[in-house]
C-alpha cells in the first residue's frame, strides 16, 4: 500500500491518503459532461502502449439469463475462461493507453499528462447477457490505476476522468470504448528519471435504451481488469527524464525493476493547477437547475453521421465559479464580470443532464449536455465616456439558463473536440455619474431585448487552453449589444445617448471557469468550489 499527497483544494492544504486499490470514481467525468481536448503537451507525447488485460465479467441477473441473450451476440468470438454458475467470467481485453506526458521535466514543476486516452476492445458476446434487449448503446466510465516510480520510491495516481460511448451491437463483434479525459499532475521534488506503469482498470458500463422515453434505465455493471502480464516493462506508459538543473550529467536512480512498494513525500500526485485558490460557497445549491436545453450553437456532426436519439439523464449536482471580462468595442473599455475580489456568484449545474452519440461505424460523435444557472452581481463600469468626461455606472446582468455542451466529432483517431456555453442575457445600467455628479437614467434603463451570449473553449491555444468541464479553463466569445430603452427621467429621453455609447457588434467576452465541485461524489471531488483568477492574471 503506497502513499501519495493529494492537494485538497482547500486553501492549498495538503493531506496524505493511502490507497489499497484504485477507487472507481470515473463517474465524475461523465457526471461533469467531460470530454477532454488536446492538452498543452500534445506535441511532446510519448505515443501509445497496448496492454492485454483480463477482465472479470459479473454474472447476469436472474432475469437476464435467457436464451434471448444469444441473439445479441452475433458472430463474435465467444471464447472466455470457463466459470461455474453465479461466478464471474474472465475475458481478455486489448487496451491501448496514450497521454500527453512530456519526455522531460524539472524538479518541483507539475508534470501534466494532458489528454488521457484509454481505448478498450472487448468481445461483445461475453457482455451481451448483461445488456437489456432494447439496448442501443452504452456509456462507459473508466478508472485506471497508475503507479508513479522514481528510483525506489513510488506513489499511486488515479486516472479517473475518462468517459466513452459506443453503439450496440458492434458490426464486427468487438465493443470498442475510446475513453478520454484529464488526469492529475505529478510533481517530483528531486532529480531522477520518472516512470509510469499501468495498473488495475475498472470499466463501469451503463446501457442506453433504444427509446429514451420508454426504455427503463438498466443497471450498470463494472468490469474489474488486471494486466495479463506481471512484466513491468510491458506496462510502462512513459519514461520522463528529470535532470538536475545544476549538474546536467548527473546519474539518476535505477528504475528498471519496476514499481516498488515504498513511498516518499518527494512524489506528489495533485489535481491540475487551478484546483487551489480562495473559496467562496462551502458547497453547491441543494436543488439542480431544470429546464430546456439550447442546442442551436453546437457544431454539426460530420456528413454521414447517424445520431441516436437524445438520452435524458438524471444529472449530477455540481457547481463552479467563472470570472472574466468584457470589452465594449465603442468606448474600448473593459468591465469585470463576476469580480473575484467582490463576492462572485456561483454557477450551479445539472451536470450530464443528457447525451447523444453516433451509430457506428463512422464518423464518430459524442456530446454531453449540462444545464447551469448563474446570478451575477452588479459590475462597476468606467467605460461610459461622453466625450472626454469621465463617467461611471453600475451594470446589472439578467441571465437565462446556460447550456453547456462538450463533445467530440470526426473520424478516429483525428477527433475535433468542442466546448460551448450559450445563454441569453440583458443589461441594465444604473447609478450613473458624470464627472462625479449623479445622472438619473431611471430604474429601467436596459437593453431593448435579450441577446445571445455564446462562449467556446479553445483546445489548441498554448496559453488559454480549455481543458474540460471538470477542470475548467478559458472560454471566449463575442456579442452584439442591442439598443437601449427606458433610459431617462422627468421626461428626458436618454435612449439615443446610451445606444450610441454602448450598442453594437463585436464586443468580446473572456471567462475563466474554475474546476467543478461535485459534492455528491467521493473525494477528490474538487470541493469546496474555488474562485479562479481573472483571465491573464496570476494565481496569488
Protein backbone atom coordinates (compact mmCIF):
# COMPACT_ATOMS: atom_id res chain seq x y z
CA UNK A 1 0.00 0.00 0.00
CA UNK A 2 1.58 3.25 -1.12
CA UNK A 3 1.08 6.84 -0.12
CA UNK A 4 0.53 9.86 -2.30
CA UNK A 5 -0.03 13.51 -1.48
CA UNK A 6 -3.28 14.97 -2.80
CA UNK A 7 -3.88 18.69 -2.60
CA UNK A 8 -7.38 19.14 -1.29
CA UNK A 9 -8.22 22.47 -2.91
CA UNK A 10 -8.99 23.99 0.50
CA UNK A 11 -6.65 26.97 0.76
CA UNK A 12 -3.72 24.95 -0.53
CA UNK A 13 -3.73 22.40 2.30
CA UNK A 14 -2.09 19.04 1.76
CA UNK A 15 -3.08 15.70 3.16
CA UNK A 16 -1.81 12.15 2.69
CA UNK A 17 -4.07 9.32 1.56
CA UNK A 18 -3.29 5.62 1.34
CA UNK A 19 -4.79 3.52 -1.39
CA UNK A 20 -5.05 -0.27 -1.19
CA UNK A 21 -6.67 -0.28 -4.63
CA UNK A 22 -7.93 2.19 -7.19
CA UNK A 23 -11.27 3.68 -6.17
CA UNK A 24 -13.67 3.60 -9.14
CA UNK A 25 -14.82 7.23 -9.27
CA UNK A 26 -14.63 7.70 -13.02
CA UNK A 27 -18.32 8.56 -12.99
CA UNK A 28 -17.06 12.04 -12.06
CA UNK A 29 -16.12 12.57 -15.67
CA UNK A 30 -19.46 11.56 -17.16
CA UNK A 31 -21.24 13.45 -14.40
CA UNK A 32 -19.48 16.60 -15.42
CA UNK A 33 -20.17 16.08 -19.12
CA UNK A 34 -16.50 15.63 -19.63
CA UNK A 35 -14.77 15.18 -22.97
CA UNK A 36 -11.23 16.46 -22.99
CA UNK A 37 -9.42 18.12 -25.83
CA UNK A 38 -5.74 18.18 -26.66
CA UNK A 39 -3.55 19.27 -23.77
CA UNK A 40 -0.69 21.74 -23.95
CA UNK A 41 1.83 18.89 -24.10
CA UNK A 42 0.29 17.15 -27.11
CA UNK A 43 3.39 17.64 -29.25
CA UNK A 44 5.60 16.12 -26.56
CA UNK A 45 3.68 12.90 -26.05
CA UNK A 46 5.33 9.50 -25.87
CA UNK A 47 2.98 7.59 -28.12
CA UNK A 48 0.70 4.78 -27.04
CA UNK A 49 1.11 1.43 -25.32
CA UNK A 50 -1.07 -1.62 -25.97
CA UNK A 51 -1.62 -3.86 -22.94
CA UNK A 52 -3.60 -7.09 -22.58
CA UNK A 53 -6.00 -7.10 -19.63
CA UNK A 54 -8.04 -9.89 -18.08
CA UNK A 55 -11.44 -8.54 -17.07
CA UNK A 56 -13.81 -10.18 -14.59
CA UNK A 57 -17.35 -10.03 -16.01
CA UNK A 58 -20.04 -10.29 -13.32
CA UNK A 59 -22.75 -12.93 -13.79
CA UNK A 60 -26.00 -11.64 -15.32
CA UNK A 61 -29.02 -11.05 -13.14
CA UNK A 62 -31.55 -13.88 -12.97
CA UNK A 63 -33.97 -12.13 -15.33
CA UNK A 64 -31.20 -11.72 -17.93
CA UNK A 65 -30.18 -15.37 -18.06
CA UNK A 66 -32.34 -16.24 -21.04
CA UNK A 67 -31.74 -17.72 -24.41
CA UNK A 68 -32.59 -14.36 -25.93
CA UNK A 69 -29.21 -13.06 -24.93
CA UNK A 70 -27.60 -15.12 -27.65
CA UNK A 71 -29.47 -13.14 -30.29
CA UNK A 72 -27.44 -10.07 -29.34
CA UNK A 73 -24.10 -11.77 -29.60
CA UNK A 74 -23.93 -12.01 -33.34
CA UNK A 75 -20.92 -13.81 -34.73
CA UNK A 76 -18.50 -12.54 -32.08
CA UNK A 77 -15.80 -14.76 -30.62
CA UNK A 78 -17.30 -16.45 -27.59
CA UNK A 79 -14.04 -17.70 -26.08
CA UNK A 80 -13.79 -16.98 -22.38
CA UNK A 81 -12.49 -18.59 -19.25
CA UNK A 82 -14.99 -21.26 -18.13
CA UNK A 83 -16.90 -20.43 -14.97
CA UNK A 84 -19.39 -22.06 -12.69
CA UNK A 85 -22.95 -20.69 -12.47
CA UNK A 86 -23.05 -17.44 -10.48
CA UNK A 87 -19.31 -16.83 -10.73
CA UNK A 88 -17.61 -14.13 -12.82
CA UNK A 89 -16.30 -14.89 -16.30
CA UNK A 90 -12.90 -13.63 -17.33
CA UNK A 91 -12.48 -12.12 -20.79
CA UNK A 92 -9.38 -10.80 -22.48
CA UNK A 93 -9.39 -7.10 -23.43
CA UNK A 94 -6.91 -5.26 -25.61
CA UNK A 95 -6.32 -1.80 -24.14
CA UNK A 96 -4.37 0.98 -25.84
CA UNK A 97 -3.28 3.78 -23.49
CA UNK A 98 -1.85 7.14 -24.51
CA UNK A 99 -1.32 10.57 -22.96
CA UNK A 100 0.42 13.87 -23.48
CA UNK A 101 3.13 13.24 -20.92
CA UNK A 102 6.36 15.05 -21.83
CA UNK A 103 9.71 13.35 -22.30
CA UNK A 104 11.44 15.61 -19.79
CA UNK A 105 10.54 17.71 -16.77
CA UNK A 106 12.12 19.70 -13.96
CA UNK A 107 12.02 19.07 -10.20
CA UNK A 108 9.24 20.98 -8.49
CA UNK A 109 7.34 21.62 -11.74
CA UNK A 110 3.99 19.83 -12.24
CA UNK A 111 4.07 17.20 -14.98
CA UNK A 112 0.77 17.40 -16.88
CA UNK A 113 -0.47 14.20 -18.61
CA UNK A 114 -2.67 16.34 -20.88
CA UNK A 115 -5.40 14.36 -22.60
CA UNK A 116 -5.51 10.74 -21.48
CA UNK A 117 -6.93 8.06 -23.80
CA UNK A 118 -7.80 4.52 -22.71
CA UNK A 119 -9.18 2.60 -25.69
CA UNK A 120 -10.54 -0.80 -24.67
CA UNK A 121 -11.60 -3.52 -27.13
CA UNK A 122 -13.75 -6.29 -25.61
CA UNK A 123 -15.60 -9.33 -27.00
CA UNK A 124 -19.23 -8.25 -27.16
CA UNK A 125 -20.57 -11.78 -26.86
CA UNK A 126 -19.49 -12.05 -23.23
CA UNK A 127 -21.13 -8.73 -22.33
CA UNK A 128 -24.39 -9.19 -24.23
CA UNK A 129 -26.08 -11.27 -21.48
CA UNK A 130 -25.69 -8.27 -19.14
CA UNK A 131 -27.47 -5.90 -21.51
CA UNK A 132 -31.25 -5.44 -21.92
CA UNK A 133 -33.00 -6.39 -25.14
CA UNK A 134 -33.73 -2.78 -26.09
CA UNK A 135 -30.15 -1.57 -25.69
CA UNK A 136 -28.92 0.72 -28.47
CA UNK A 137 -25.60 1.70 -26.97
CA UNK A 138 -23.55 2.02 -23.82
CA UNK A 139 -21.62 4.66 -21.98
CA UNK A 140 -18.54 3.77 -20.00
CA UNK A 141 -16.63 5.36 -17.13
CA UNK A 142 -13.03 4.20 -16.77
CA UNK A 143 -10.63 4.43 -13.85
CA UNK A 144 -7.02 3.47 -14.48
CA UNK A 145 -4.61 2.98 -11.62
CA UNK A 146 -1.18 4.37 -12.46
CA UNK A 147 1.97 3.71 -10.45
CA UNK A 148 4.49 6.54 -10.45
CA UNK A 149 8.09 5.39 -9.92
CA UNK A 150 11.23 7.42 -9.26
CA UNK A 151 14.07 5.13 -8.31
CA UNK A 152 12.90 3.02 -5.38
CA UNK A 153 10.14 5.45 -4.37
CA UNK A 154 6.60 5.31 -5.71
CA UNK A 155 3.13 6.79 -5.42
CA UNK A 156 -0.27 5.86 -6.81
CA UNK A 157 -2.28 8.05 -9.17
CA UNK A 158 -5.83 7.55 -10.40
CA UNK A 159 -6.69 8.50 -13.98
CA UNK A 160 -10.40 8.60 -13.33
CA UNK A 161 -11.85 11.35 -15.52
CA UNK A 162 -12.31 9.10 -18.54
CA UNK A 163 -15.55 8.54 -20.47
CA UNK A 164 -16.63 6.78 -23.65
CA UNK A 165 -19.71 5.67 -25.57
CA UNK A 166 -20.43 3.08 -28.23
CA UNK A 167 -23.39 1.81 -30.20
CA UNK A 168 -24.51 -1.80 -29.92
CA UNK A 169 -24.34 -4.39 -31.25
CA UNK A 170 -20.96 -3.78 -32.93
CA UNK A 171 -20.80 -4.92 -36.54
CA UNK A 172 -17.61 -6.95 -36.05
CA UNK A 173 -18.39 -8.40 -32.62
CA UNK A 174 -15.87 -6.21 -30.77
CA UNK A 175 -17.06 -3.50 -28.40
CA UNK A 176 -14.65 -0.56 -28.66
CA UNK A 177 -14.70 2.03 -25.90
CA UNK A 178 -12.48 5.03 -26.59
CA UNK A 179 -12.26 6.67 -23.15
CA UNK A 180 -10.81 10.15 -22.92
CA UNK A 181 -10.38 12.69 -20.17
CA UNK A 182 -7.98 14.58 -17.94
CA UNK A 183 -5.63 13.37 -15.23
CA UNK A 184 -3.91 14.81 -12.15
CA UNK A 185 -0.46 16.32 -12.40
CA UNK A 186 2.66 14.71 -10.94
CA UNK A 187 5.38 16.68 -9.18
CA UNK A 188 8.74 15.29 -8.04
CA UNK A 189 10.89 17.33 -5.70
CA UNK A 190 14.25 15.87 -6.73
CA UNK A 191 16.05 14.95 -9.97
CA UNK A 192 15.86 11.37 -11.20
CA UNK A 193 14.03 9.65 -14.05
CA UNK A 194 10.32 9.00 -13.56
CA UNK A 195 8.44 6.01 -14.96
CA UNK A 196 4.67 5.47 -15.06
CA UNK A 197 3.16 1.97 -15.09
CA UNK A 198 -0.42 0.91 -15.83
CA UNK A 199 -2.24 -0.89 -13.04
CA UNK A 200 -5.79 -2.07 -12.44
CA UNK A 201 -8.52 -0.83 -14.79
CA UNK A 202 -12.19 -0.52 -13.83
CA UNK A 203 -14.85 -0.07 -16.54
CA UNK A 204 -18.32 0.93 -15.36
CA UNK A 205 -20.65 0.25 -18.30
CA UNK A 206 -24.16 1.73 -18.43
CA UNK A 207 -26.67 0.50 -21.06
CA UNK A 208 -28.75 3.02 -23.02
CA UNK A 209 -32.23 2.02 -24.22
CA UNK A 210 -33.30 2.30 -27.84
CA UNK A 211 -36.22 4.56 -26.91
CA UNK A 212 -35.07 7.06 -24.30
CA UNK A 213 -38.67 7.95 -23.41
CA UNK A 214 -39.95 4.41 -22.93
CA UNK A 215 -36.94 2.28 -22.10
CA UNK A 216 -36.33 1.61 -18.45
CA UNK A 217 -32.93 2.54 -17.10
CA UNK A 218 -30.85 -0.64 -16.93
CA UNK A 219 -28.43 -1.16 -14.07
CA UNK A 220 -24.77 -0.51 -14.87
CA UNK A 221 -22.15 -3.18 -14.29
CA UNK A 222 -18.43 -2.95 -13.63
CA UNK A 223 -15.59 -4.90 -15.20
CA UNK A 224 -12.54 -5.18 -12.97
CA UNK A 225 -9.50 -5.68 -15.18
CA UNK A 226 -5.93 -6.57 -14.27
CA UNK A 227 -2.90 -6.67 -16.58
CA UNK A 228 -2.49 -10.13 -18.06
CA UNK A 229 1.29 -9.94 -17.62
CA UNK A 230 3.21 -9.10 -14.48
CA UNK A 231 6.16 -7.87 -16.54
CA UNK A 232 6.59 -4.19 -15.60
CA UNK A 233 8.31 -3.37 -18.91
CA UNK A 234 5.14 -4.26 -20.80
CA UNK A 235 3.07 -1.98 -18.55
CA UNK A 236 5.27 1.11 -18.74
CA UNK A 237 3.30 4.09 -20.02
CA UNK A 238 6.02 6.73 -20.04
CA UNK A 239 9.63 7.46 -19.16
CA UNK A 240 10.32 11.07 -18.16
CA UNK A 241 13.80 12.46 -17.69
CA UNK A 242 14.13 14.80 -14.69
CA UNK A 243 17.72 16.06 -14.75
CA UNK A 244 19.45 18.05 -12.05
CA UNK A 245 19.49 21.61 -13.30
CA UNK A 246 22.86 22.31 -11.69
CA UNK A 247 24.51 19.08 -12.81
CA UNK A 248 23.21 18.21 -16.31
CA UNK A 249 25.02 14.88 -16.49
CA UNK A 250 24.02 13.58 -13.09
CA UNK A 251 23.01 9.94 -12.93
CA UNK A 252 19.50 9.01 -11.88
CA UNK A 253 18.24 6.18 -9.71
CA UNK A 254 17.68 2.83 -11.37
CA UNK A 255 14.00 2.29 -12.23
CA UNK A 256 14.48 -0.91 -14.20
CA UNK A 257 12.99 -3.10 -11.50
CA UNK A 258 9.56 -1.54 -11.96
CA UNK A 259 7.31 -0.12 -9.25
CA UNK A 260 8.37 -0.72 -5.65
CA UNK A 261 6.24 -0.94 -2.55
CA UNK A 262 7.96 2.00 -0.88
CA UNK A 263 6.80 5.62 -0.99
CA UNK A 264 8.13 9.05 -0.17
CA UNK A 265 6.80 12.59 0.08
CA UNK A 266 9.01 13.64 -2.84
CA UNK A 267 6.37 12.42 -5.33
CA UNK A 268 3.12 14.38 -5.27
CA UNK A 269 0.01 13.50 -7.29
CA UNK A 270 -2.25 16.53 -7.41
CA UNK A 271 -5.28 17.98 -9.17
CA UNK A 272 -4.25 20.21 -12.05
CA UNK A 273 -3.28 23.83 -11.44
CA UNK A 274 -6.37 25.85 -10.67
CA UNK A 275 -7.79 23.47 -8.07
CA UNK A 276 -6.19 25.66 -5.38
CA UNK A 277 -7.31 29.17 -4.62
CA UNK A 278 -9.71 31.18 -2.49
CA UNK A 279 -13.05 29.56 -1.77
CA UNK A 280 -16.46 31.15 -1.69
CA UNK A 281 -19.51 28.97 -1.05
CA UNK A 282 -18.94 25.85 1.02
CA UNK A 283 -20.82 23.66 -1.46
CA UNK A 284 -23.34 23.69 -4.32
CA UNK A 285 -27.02 24.58 -4.10
CA UNK A 286 -29.32 21.82 -2.87
CA UNK A 287 -31.51 21.91 -6.00
CA UNK A 288 -30.20 21.38 -9.51
CA UNK A 289 -31.27 23.65 -12.40
CA UNK A 290 -34.11 22.44 -14.61
CA UNK A 291 -35.46 23.49 -17.99
CA UNK A 292 -34.95 23.07 -21.72
CA UNK A 293 -31.57 22.83 -23.40
CA UNK A 294 -30.46 25.22 -26.16
CA UNK A 295 -28.52 23.14 -28.70
CA UNK A 296 -28.56 25.69 -31.51
CA UNK A 297 -24.89 26.64 -31.12
CA UNK A 298 -23.23 23.21 -31.03
CA UNK A 299 -21.14 22.08 -34.03
CA UNK A 300 -22.99 19.92 -36.55
CA UNK A 301 -21.92 16.27 -36.88
CA UNK A 302 -19.81 15.47 -39.91
CA UNK A 303 -21.69 14.48 -43.09
CA UNK A 304 -22.73 10.84 -43.00
CA UNK A 305 -23.13 10.74 -39.20
CA UNK A 306 -26.21 8.89 -37.93
CA UNK A 307 -27.20 10.15 -34.50
CA UNK A 308 -29.11 8.27 -31.82
CA UNK A 309 -32.00 9.98 -30.03
CA UNK A 310 -31.08 12.33 -27.20
CA UNK A 311 -30.98 10.36 -23.95
CA UNK A 312 -32.19 12.33 -20.90
CA UNK A 313 -30.36 11.53 -17.66
CA UNK A 314 -30.89 12.47 -14.03
CA UNK A 315 -27.76 14.59 -13.96
CA UNK A 316 -25.32 15.16 -11.12
CA UNK A 317 -25.27 18.13 -8.74
CA UNK A 318 -22.30 20.36 -9.50
CA UNK A 319 -21.12 23.96 -9.29
CA UNK A 320 -18.22 26.19 -10.34
CA UNK A 321 -17.08 29.79 -10.31
CA UNK A 322 -16.49 31.58 -13.60
CA UNK A 323 -14.98 35.09 -13.68
CA UNK A 324 -13.96 37.27 -16.57
CA UNK A 325 -14.11 40.50 -18.51
CA UNK A 326 -15.99 42.07 -21.37
CA UNK A 327 -14.55 44.74 -23.63
CA UNK A 328 -17.15 47.15 -25.03
CA UNK A 329 -15.95 47.98 -28.53
CA UNK A 330 -17.25 51.55 -28.95
CA UNK A 331 -15.56 53.18 -25.96
CA UNK A 332 -12.91 50.42 -25.87
CA UNK A 333 -13.44 49.99 -22.15
CA UNK A 334 -13.42 46.85 -20.00
CA UNK A 335 -15.92 45.67 -17.40
CA UNK A 336 -15.04 42.92 -14.92
CA UNK A 337 -17.71 40.22 -14.82
CA UNK A 338 -18.25 38.34 -11.55
CA UNK A 339 -15.31 40.11 -9.92
CA UNK A 340 -13.37 37.51 -7.90
CA UNK A 341 -12.46 40.18 -5.32
CA UNK A 342 -16.07 41.21 -4.62
CA UNK A 343 -18.02 38.05 -3.76
CA UNK A 344 -18.65 36.44 -7.15
CA UNK A 345 -21.79 34.48 -7.97
CA UNK A 346 -21.62 30.68 -8.07
CA UNK A 347 -22.85 28.81 -11.14
CA UNK A 348 -24.95 25.80 -10.14
CA UNK A 349 -25.04 22.98 -12.68
CA UNK A 350 -27.07 19.91 -13.52
CA UNK A 351 -24.09 18.06 -14.97
CA UNK A 352 -24.56 15.46 -17.70
CA UNK A 353 -28.29 16.08 -17.98
CA UNK A 354 -28.47 14.42 -21.41
CA UNK A 355 -26.24 12.82 -24.00
CA UNK A 356 -26.22 11.94 -27.69
CA UNK A 357 -23.84 9.94 -29.84
CA UNK A 358 -23.42 8.43 -33.30
CA UNK A 359 -24.38 4.99 -34.52
CA UNK A 360 -21.45 3.01 -35.98
CA UNK A 361 -19.33 2.71 -37.94
CA UNK A 362 -18.16 6.28 -38.78
CA UNK A 363 -17.96 9.21 -38.32
CA UNK A 364 -17.60 9.40 -34.52
CA UNK A 365 -19.75 11.78 -32.49
CA UNK A 366 -20.38 12.11 -28.77
CA UNK A 367 -21.87 15.02 -26.83
CA UNK A 368 -22.86 15.58 -23.24
CA UNK A 369 -25.10 18.50 -22.26
CA UNK A 370 -25.30 20.17 -18.87
CA UNK A 371 -27.60 22.93 -17.62
CA UNK A 372 -26.37 25.82 -15.47
CA UNK A 373 -27.76 28.89 -13.77
CA UNK A 374 -25.76 31.90 -12.62
CA UNK A 375 -26.89 35.08 -10.88
CA UNK A 376 -24.20 37.69 -11.44
CA UNK A 377 -23.53 40.57 -9.03
CA UNK A 378 -23.54 44.13 -10.34
CA UNK A 379 -20.39 45.22 -12.13
CA UNK A 380 -18.68 48.60 -11.75
CA UNK A 381 -18.11 50.29 -15.09
CA UNK A 382 -15.96 53.23 -16.14
CA UNK A 383 -16.46 52.80 -19.87
CA UNK A 384 -19.22 55.34 -20.48
CA UNK A 385 -17.23 58.30 -21.78
CA UNK A 386 -19.27 61.11 -23.26
CA UNK A 387 -16.50 62.96 -24.99
CA UNK A 388 -13.67 63.42 -22.50
CA UNK A 389 -15.87 63.47 -19.40
CA UNK A 390 -15.30 60.51 -17.03
CA UNK A 391 -18.47 58.54 -16.48
CA UNK A 392 -19.04 55.67 -14.05
CA UNK A 393 -22.01 53.34 -13.76
CA UNK A 394 -23.18 50.04 -12.38
CA UNK A 395 -24.24 47.27 -14.74
CA UNK A 396 -26.74 44.57 -13.76
CA UNK A 397 -26.89 41.28 -15.69
CA UNK A 398 -30.04 39.22 -16.18
CA UNK A 399 -29.02 35.73 -17.35
CA UNK A 400 -31.18 32.94 -18.69
CA UNK A 401 -30.41 29.21 -18.31
CA UNK A 402 -26.91 28.25 -19.51
CA UNK A 403 -26.50 25.22 -21.77
CA UNK A 404 -23.00 23.73 -21.59
CA UNK A 405 -22.17 21.16 -24.27
CA UNK A 406 -18.90 19.28 -24.57
CA UNK A 407 -18.06 16.60 -27.08
CA UNK A 408 -16.02 15.25 -29.96
CA UNK A 409 -16.69 14.61 -33.64
CA UNK A 410 -14.66 13.23 -36.52
CA UNK A 411 -13.03 10.01 -37.62
CA UNK A 412 -10.75 8.23 -35.17
CA UNK A 413 -8.02 8.94 -34.30
CA UNK A 414 -8.39 12.52 -35.58
CA UNK A 415 -11.16 13.92 -33.42
CA UNK A 416 -12.23 17.54 -33.12
CA UNK A 417 -13.18 18.45 -29.55
CA UNK A 418 -15.64 21.20 -28.71
CA UNK A 419 -16.99 23.01 -25.67
CA UNK A 420 -19.86 25.50 -25.98
CA UNK A 421 -21.69 27.54 -23.34
CA UNK A 422 -24.68 29.56 -24.57
CA UNK A 423 -27.43 31.62 -22.93
CA UNK A 424 -29.48 34.81 -23.31
CA UNK A 425 -28.71 37.93 -21.32
CA UNK A 426 -29.88 41.52 -20.88
CA UNK A 427 -28.15 44.53 -19.31
CA UNK A 428 -29.45 47.27 -17.04
CA UNK A 429 -27.43 50.45 -16.40
CA UNK A 430 -27.95 52.44 -13.19
CA UNK A 431 -26.18 54.65 -10.62
CA UNK A 432 -24.62 56.69 -13.41
CA UNK A 433 -22.29 59.55 -12.51
CA UNK A 434 -20.84 62.08 -14.94
CA UNK A 435 -17.65 63.64 -13.63
CA UNK A 436 -18.78 62.61 -10.15
CA UNK A 437 -22.25 64.14 -10.50
CA UNK A 438 -25.24 61.73 -10.49
CA UNK A 439 -27.19 61.48 -13.74
CA UNK A 440 -30.68 60.00 -13.41
CA UNK A 441 -31.18 57.37 -16.11
CA UNK A 442 -34.20 55.86 -14.37
CA UNK A 443 -34.70 52.41 -12.92
CA UNK A 444 -35.45 50.67 -16.22
CA UNK A 445 -32.54 51.69 -18.44
CA UNK A 446 -31.77 48.39 -20.12
CA UNK A 447 -31.18 46.70 -23.45
CA UNK A 448 -34.34 46.71 -25.53
CA UNK A 449 -34.21 42.92 -25.84
CA UNK A 450 -32.21 39.97 -24.64
CA UNK A 451 -29.19 38.99 -26.68
CA UNK A 452 -27.37 35.70 -27.10
CA UNK A 453 -24.02 35.01 -25.46
CA UNK A 454 -22.04 32.05 -26.86
CA UNK A 455 -18.64 31.17 -25.45
CA UNK A 456 -16.36 28.46 -26.82
CA UNK A 457 -13.39 26.63 -25.38
CA UNK A 458 -10.12 26.89 -27.28
CA UNK A 459 -8.47 23.46 -27.19
CA UNK A 460 -5.43 24.49 -29.20
CA UNK A 461 -4.10 27.65 -27.57
CA UNK A 462 -0.82 27.11 -25.69
CA UNK A 463 -1.73 29.80 -23.13
CA UNK A 464 -5.55 29.87 -22.97
CA UNK A 465 -6.40 26.20 -23.40
CA UNK A 466 -9.78 24.94 -22.19
CA UNK A 467 -9.17 21.52 -20.67
CA UNK A 468 -12.65 20.16 -19.97
CA UNK A 469 -15.75 20.89 -17.90
CA UNK A 470 -14.28 19.06 -14.91
CA UNK A 471 -11.07 21.07 -14.73
CA UNK A 472 -12.28 24.26 -16.42
CA UNK A 473 -10.32 26.78 -18.42
CA UNK A 474 -10.79 29.74 -20.73
CA UNK A 475 -13.98 30.38 -22.72
CA UNK A 476 -14.24 33.18 -25.28
CA UNK A 477 -16.87 34.80 -27.48
CA UNK A 478 -18.28 38.00 -29.00
CA UNK A 479 -21.73 39.51 -28.52
CA UNK A 480 -23.93 42.06 -30.22
CA UNK A 481 -25.37 44.52 -27.69
CA UNK A 482 -28.81 45.77 -28.81
CA UNK A 483 -30.15 49.29 -28.44
CA UNK A 484 -31.23 50.65 -25.05
CA UNK A 485 -34.71 51.64 -23.95
CA UNK A 486 -36.34 53.04 -20.82
CA UNK A 487 -33.42 55.38 -20.10
CA UNK A 488 -34.15 58.80 -18.66
CA UNK A 489 -36.26 60.55 -16.04
CA UNK A 490 -38.52 63.59 -15.76
CA UNK A 491 -39.36 63.40 -19.44
CA UNK A 492 -35.76 63.27 -20.66
CA UNK A 493 -35.06 60.56 -23.27
CA UNK A 494 -31.55 59.20 -22.84
CA UNK A 495 -32.08 56.10 -25.02
CA UNK A 496 -30.13 57.53 -28.01
CA UNK A 497 -27.21 58.50 -25.77
CA UNK A 498 -26.85 55.06 -24.19
CA UNK A 499 -27.38 53.33 -27.52
CA UNK A 500 -24.69 55.44 -29.21
CA UNK A 501 -22.26 54.76 -26.35
CA UNK A 502 -22.71 51.03 -25.85
CA UNK A 503 -24.73 49.23 -28.52
CA UNK A 504 -23.26 47.39 -31.48
CA UNK A 505 -21.46 44.19 -32.57
CA UNK A 506 -18.02 42.82 -31.81
CA UNK A 507 -17.95 43.14 -28.03
CA UNK A 508 -15.60 40.48 -26.69
CA UNK A 509 -16.06 38.33 -23.59
CA UNK A 510 -13.45 36.10 -21.95
CA UNK A 511 -14.22 33.92 -18.91
CA UNK A 512 -12.07 31.69 -16.72
CA UNK A 513 -14.00 28.70 -15.34
CA UNK A 514 -12.64 27.06 -12.18
CA UNK A 515 -12.68 23.29 -11.57
CA UNK A 516 -16.16 21.88 -10.99
CA UNK A 517 -17.20 20.88 -7.48
CA UNK A 518 -19.14 17.59 -7.35
CA UNK A 519 -20.31 17.33 -3.72
CA UNK A 520 -22.29 14.10 -4.04
CA UNK A 521 -19.31 12.11 -5.31
CA UNK A 522 -16.44 10.75 -3.21
CA UNK A 523 -13.25 12.71 -2.76
CA UNK A 524 -11.28 14.00 -4.51
CA UNK A 525 -14.42 15.84 -5.72
CA UNK A 526 -12.87 19.31 -6.05
CA UNK A 527 -14.99 20.79 -3.27
CA UNK A 528 -15.49 23.38 -1.94
CA UNK A 529 -15.62 25.32 -5.22
CA UNK A 530 -12.63 27.63 -5.68
CA UNK A 531 -12.62 31.15 -7.12
CA UNK A 532 -10.25 31.39 -10.12
CA UNK A 533 -8.19 34.44 -11.08
CA UNK A 534 -9.28 36.74 -13.87
CA UNK A 535 -8.09 35.61 -17.32
CA UNK A 536 -4.48 36.61 -17.73
CA UNK A 537 -3.93 37.18 -14.02
CA UNK A 538 -1.57 35.03 -12.00
CA UNK A 539 -2.89 32.87 -9.20
CA UNK A 540 -1.94 34.50 -5.87
